[in-house]
Protein backbone atom coordinates (compact mmCIF):
# COMPACT_ATOMS: atom_id res chain seq x y z
CA UNK A 1 0.00 0.00 0.00
CA UNK A 2 2.86 2.38 0.83
CA UNK A 3 4.42 1.78 -2.61
CA UNK A 4 1.17 2.68 -4.35
CA UNK A 5 0.89 5.94 -2.41
CA UNK A 6 4.51 6.79 -3.22
CA UNK A 7 3.98 6.18 -6.93
CA UNK A 8 0.75 8.18 -6.87
CA UNK A 9 2.45 11.12 -5.11
CA UNK A 10 5.32 11.04 -7.61
CA UNK A 11 2.88 11.06 -10.54
CA UNK A 12 1.03 14.07 -9.08
CA UNK A 13 4.34 15.91 -8.57
CA UNK A 14 5.44 15.29 -12.17
CA UNK A 15 2.06 16.40 -13.53
CA UNK A 16 2.16 19.57 -11.44
CA UNK A 17 5.70 20.49 -12.46
CA UNK A 18 5.07 20.03 -16.19
CA UNK A 19 2.03 22.30 -16.02
CA UNK A 20 4.31 25.24 -15.16
CA UNK A 21 5.98 25.34 -18.58
CA UNK A 22 4.96 28.43 -20.58
CA UNK A 23 3.05 27.82 -23.80
CA UNK A 24 5.30 27.54 -26.85
CA UNK A 25 5.21 30.84 -28.73
CA UNK A 26 3.98 32.95 -25.82
CA UNK A 27 5.87 36.03 -24.63
CA UNK A 28 6.93 34.13 -21.49
CA UNK A 29 8.29 31.30 -23.67
CA UNK A 30 10.27 33.79 -25.79
CA UNK A 31 11.81 35.31 -22.65
CA UNK A 32 12.67 31.85 -21.33
CA UNK A 33 14.34 30.96 -24.63
CA UNK A 34 16.31 34.24 -24.57
CA UNK A 35 17.79 33.11 -21.24
CA UNK A 36 18.52 29.56 -22.44
CA UNK A 37 21.95 28.99 -24.04
CA UNK A 38 21.58 28.55 -27.81
CA UNK A 39 23.56 25.30 -27.63
CA UNK A 40 20.77 23.77 -25.52
CA UNK A 41 18.05 24.49 -28.09
CA UNK A 42 16.59 21.73 -30.22
CA UNK A 43 15.94 22.18 -33.94
CA UNK A 44 12.24 22.67 -33.14
CA UNK A 45 13.06 25.28 -30.49
CA UNK A 46 15.14 27.28 -32.99
CA UNK A 47 12.44 27.13 -35.66
CA UNK A 48 9.66 28.09 -33.26
CA UNK A 49 11.76 30.90 -31.76
CA UNK A 50 12.27 32.35 -35.23
CA UNK A 51 8.61 31.95 -36.12
CA UNK A 52 7.07 33.27 -32.90
CA UNK A 53 9.67 35.59 -31.38
CA UNK A 54 11.49 37.06 -34.38
CA UNK A 55 8.74 37.12 -37.04
CA UNK A 56 6.03 37.83 -34.41
CA UNK A 57 3.60 35.18 -35.62
CA UNK A 58 1.22 34.06 -32.90
CA UNK A 59 0.53 30.38 -32.14
CA UNK A 60 -2.87 29.06 -33.09
CA UNK A 61 -5.42 29.17 -30.32
CA UNK A 62 -6.91 25.72 -29.65
């Protein structure tokens, strides 16, 4: 029973921490990417940064 509660608590913690990530293409995401070293960016990060932060296109609202 203790193992189940531990796993459940860990799952809740992971879910909560991933919800704090700013939406890709938002102003907060652009600021975060400005502070991230360029060597740590993925190919998708670089493309989205150019699209959303340099060319000022806004992400689609879902």
